[in-house]
Amino acid sequence: MEAVKEIEEGLLVDIEVSPNSASFNISGYDEWRNEIQVKIKSLPQKGKANKEIIKEFSKLTNSNVEIVSGLKSQHKTLKIYDLSKQSLLDILSKNYPDFK
């Protein structure tokens, strides 16, 4: 999975965001774009979507998370601190059984 890259501080994760969903959900992996598909409840207004992404990924991984690129785009790169690639994949498959 090329969307997740290990770095010294943790991970860089490429995501594609779909706003205005019924609930937060990680729906799968786009092999063409090499991005994890994420659905969020918030609309992309006044940073609400970015705050929801940071909050949900922090809660999910129990790690500090920041958006390092794509603040005003559907295509974002997250930095997740102190987490291995295998740990993230385990968390995703456990919490989102449809994730592939």
C-alpha atoms as a PDB file:
ATOM      1  CA  MET A   1       0.000   0.000   0.000  1.00  0.00           C
ATOM      2  CA  GLU A   2       1.745   3.098  -1.288  1.00  0.00           C
ATOM      3  CA  ALA A   3      -0.556   5.528   0.545  1.00  0.00           C
ATOM      4  CA  VAL A   4       1.280   4.800   3.813  1.00  0.00           C
ATOM      5  CA  LYS A   5       4.968   5.644   4.085  1.00  0.00           C
ATOM      6  CA  GLU A   6       7.107   5.129   7.175  1.00  0.00           C
ATOM      7  CA  ILE A   7       9.266   8.068   8.264  1.00  0.00           C
ATOM      8  CA  GLU A   8      11.441   8.676  11.309  1.00  0.00           C
ATOM      9  CA  GLU A   9       8.644  10.342  13.341  1.00  0.00           C
ATOM     10  CA  GLY A  10       5.930   7.847  12.334  1.00  0.00           C
ATOM     11  CA  LEU A  11       3.884   7.726   9.132  1.00  0.00           C
ATOM     12  CA  LEU A  12       2.822   9.839   6.181  1.00  0.00           C
ATOM     13  CA  VAL A  13      -0.633   8.831   4.974  1.00  0.00           C
ATOM     14  CA  ASP A  14      -2.205  10.030   1.716  1.00  0.00           C
ATOM     15  CA  ILE A  15      -5.993  10.341   1.884  1.00  0.00           C
ATOM     16  CA  GLU A  16      -8.836  11.453  -0.361  1.00  0.00           C
ATOM     17  CA  VAL A  17     -11.662  13.136   1.528  1.00  0.00           C
ATOM     18  CA  SER A  18     -15.372  13.072   0.674  1.00  0.00           C
ATOM     19  CA  PRO A  19     -17.272  15.609   2.815  1.00  0.00           C
ATOM     20  CA  ASN A  20     -20.936  15.740   3.844  1.00  0.00           C
ATOM     21  CA  SER A  21     -21.288  12.034   4.614  1.00  0.00           C
ATOM     22  CA  ALA A  22     -23.659  10.541   7.180  1.00  0.00           C
ATOM     23  CA  SER A  23     -20.727   9.560   9.413  1.00  0.00           C
ATOM     24  CA  PHE A  24     -16.935   9.344   9.536  1.00  0.00           C
ATOM     25  CA  ASN A  25     -15.807   6.256   7.641  1.00  0.00           C
ATOM     26  CA  ILE A  26     -12.678   4.902   6.034  1.00  0.00           C
ATOM     27  CA  SER A  27     -14.178   3.264   2.998  1.00  0.00           C
ATOM     28  CA  GLY A  28     -11.238   1.741   1.165  1.00  0.00           C
ATOM     29  CA  TYR A  29      -8.074   2.185  -0.827  1.00  0.00           C
ATOM     30  CA  ASP A  30      -7.933   3.749  -4.285  1.00  0.00           C
ATOM     31  CA  GLU A  31      -5.218   1.828  -6.127  1.00  0.00           C
ATOM     32  CA  TRP A  32      -5.180   4.298  -9.043  1.00  0.00           C
ATOM     33  CA  ARG A  33      -4.519   7.332  -6.869  1.00  0.00           C
ATOM     34  CA  ASN A  34      -2.711   5.468  -4.073  1.00  0.00           C
ATOM     35  CA  GLU A  35      -4.908   7.121  -1.455  1.00  0.00           C
ATOM     36  CA  ILE A  36      -7.050   5.914   1.425  1.00  0.00           C
ATOM     37  CA  GLN A  37     -10.653   7.014   0.917  1.00  0.00           C
ATOM     38  CA  VAL A  38     -12.140   8.838   3.905  1.00  0.00           C
ATOM     39  CA  LYS A  39     -15.721  10.014   4.314  1.00  0.00           C
ATOM     40  CA  ILE A  40     -16.412  12.786   6.828  1.00  0.00           C
ATOM     41  CA  LYS A  41     -19.534  14.479   8.165  1.00  0.00           C
ATOM     42  CA  SER A  42     -18.252  18.062   8.020  1.00  0.00           C
ATOM     43  CA  LEU A  43     -18.406  20.419   5.096  1.00  0.00           C
ATOM     44  CA  PRO A  44     -15.125  21.981   3.944  1.00  0.00           C
ATOM     45  CA  GLN A  45     -15.855  25.357   5.540  1.00  0.00           C
ATOM     46  CA  LYS A  46     -13.685  27.333   7.970  1.00  0.00           C
ATOM     47  CA  GLY A  47     -11.420  24.351   8.693  1.00  0.00           C
ATOM     48  CA  LYS A  48     -14.220  22.140  10.044  1.00  0.00           C
ATOM     49  CA  ALA A  49     -13.348  19.237   7.749  1.00  0.00           C
ATOM     50  CA  ASN A  50      -9.659  19.372   8.666  1.00  0.00           C
ATOM     51  CA  LYS A  51     -10.494  19.472  12.379  1.00  0.00           C
ATOM     52  CA  GLU A  52     -12.748  16.424  12.023  1.00  0.00           C
ATOM     53  CA  ILE A  53     -10.035  14.499  10.136  1.00  0.00           C
ATOM     54  CA  ILE A  54      -7.418  15.267  12.802  1.00  0.00           C
ATOM     55  CA  LYS A  55      -9.807  14.440  15.652  1.00  0.00           C
ATOM     56  CA  GLU A  56     -10.999  11.136  14.169  1.00  0.00           C
ATOM     57  CA  PHE A  57      -7.545   9.896  13.130  1.00  0.00           C
ATOM     58  CA  SER A  58      -6.114  10.889  16.533  1.00  0.00           C
ATOM     59  CA  LYS A  59      -8.883   8.976  18.297  1.00  0.00           C
ATOM     60  CA  LEU A  60      -8.539   5.984  15.970  1.00  0.00           C
ATOM     61  CA  THR A  61      -4.749   5.664  16.252  1.00  0.00           C
ATOM     62  CA  ASN A  62      -4.291   7.071  19.762  1.00  0.00           C
ATOM     63  CA  SER A  63      -1.492   9.224  18.305  1.00  0.00           C
ATOM     64  CA  ASN A  64      -0.842  12.853  17.456  1.00  0.00           C
ATOM     65  CA  VAL A  65      -1.940  13.680  13.908  1.00  0.00           C
ATOM     66  CA  GLU A  66      -1.390  16.714  11.711  1.00  0.00           C
ATOM     67  CA  ILE A  67      -2.167  17.607   8.115  1.00  0.00           C
ATOM     68  CA  VAL A  68       1.124  18.323   6.349  1.00  0.00           C
ATOM     69  CA  SER A  69      -0.255  19.050   2.875  1.00  0.00           C
ATOM     70  CA  GLY A  70      -3.593  19.641   1.180  1.00  0.00           C
ATOM     71  CA  LEU A  71      -5.240  21.915   3.744  1.00  0.00           C
ATOM     72  CA  LYS A  72      -7.579  23.267   1.038  1.00  0.00           C
ATOM     73  CA  SER A  73      -7.820  20.129  -1.072  1.00  0.00           C
ATOM     74  CA  GLN A  74      -9.661  16.802  -1.082  1.00  0.00           C
ATOM     75  CA  HIS A  75      -6.239  15.160  -1.389  1.00  0.00           C
ATOM     76  CA  LYS A  76      -4.342  15.423   1.886  1.00  0.00           C
ATOM     77  CA  THR A  77      -1.248  13.997   3.512  1.00  0.00           C
ATOM     78  CA  LEU A  78      -1.435  13.255   7.224  1.00  0.00           C
ATOM     79  CA  LYS A  79       1.500  12.789   9.545  1.00  0.00           C
ATOM     80  CA  ILE A  80       0.729  10.270  12.283  1.00  0.00           C
ATOM     81  CA  TYR A  81       3.361  10.264  15.005  1.00  0.00           C
ATOM     82  CA  ASP A  82       4.841   7.204  16.729  1.00  0.00           C
ATOM     83  CA  LEU A  83       2.962   4.553  14.752  1.00  0.00           C
ATOM     84  CA  SER A  84       4.190   1.799  12.437  1.00  0.00           C
ATOM     85  CA  LYS A  85       2.683   1.000   9.055  1.00  0.00           C
ATOM     86  CA  GLN A  86       1.614  -2.459  10.222  1.00  0.00           C
ATOM     87  CA  SER A  87      -0.074  -0.995  13.324  1.00  0.00           C
ATOM     88  CA  LEU A  88      -2.099   1.403  11.174  1.00  0.00           C
ATOM     89  CA  LEU A  89      -3.141  -1.359   8.778  1.00  0.00           C
ATOM     90  CA  ASP A  90      -4.169  -3.538  11.740  1.00  0.00           C
ATOM     91  CA  ILE A  91      -6.238  -0.680  13.212  1.00  0.00           C
ATOM     92  CA  LEU A  92      -7.955  -0.031   9.875  1.00  0.00           C
ATOM     93  CA  SER A  93      -8.807  -3.680   9.205  1.00  0.00           C
ATOM     94  CA  LYS A  94     -10.087  -4.136  12.781  1.00  0.00           C
ATOM     95  CA  ASN A  95     -12.276  -1.001  12.826  1.00  0.00           C
ATOM     96  CA  TYR A  96     -13.335  -1.031   9.171  1.00  0.00           C
ATOM     97  CA  PRO A  97     -13.883  -4.645   8.043  1.00  0.00           C
ATOM     98  CA  ASP A  98     -14.630  -3.524   4.470  1.00  0.00           C
ATOM     99  CA  PHE A  99     -11.268  -1.754   4.206  1.00  0.00           C
ATOM    100  CA  LYS A 100      -9.026  -3.376   1.594  1.00  0.00           C
END
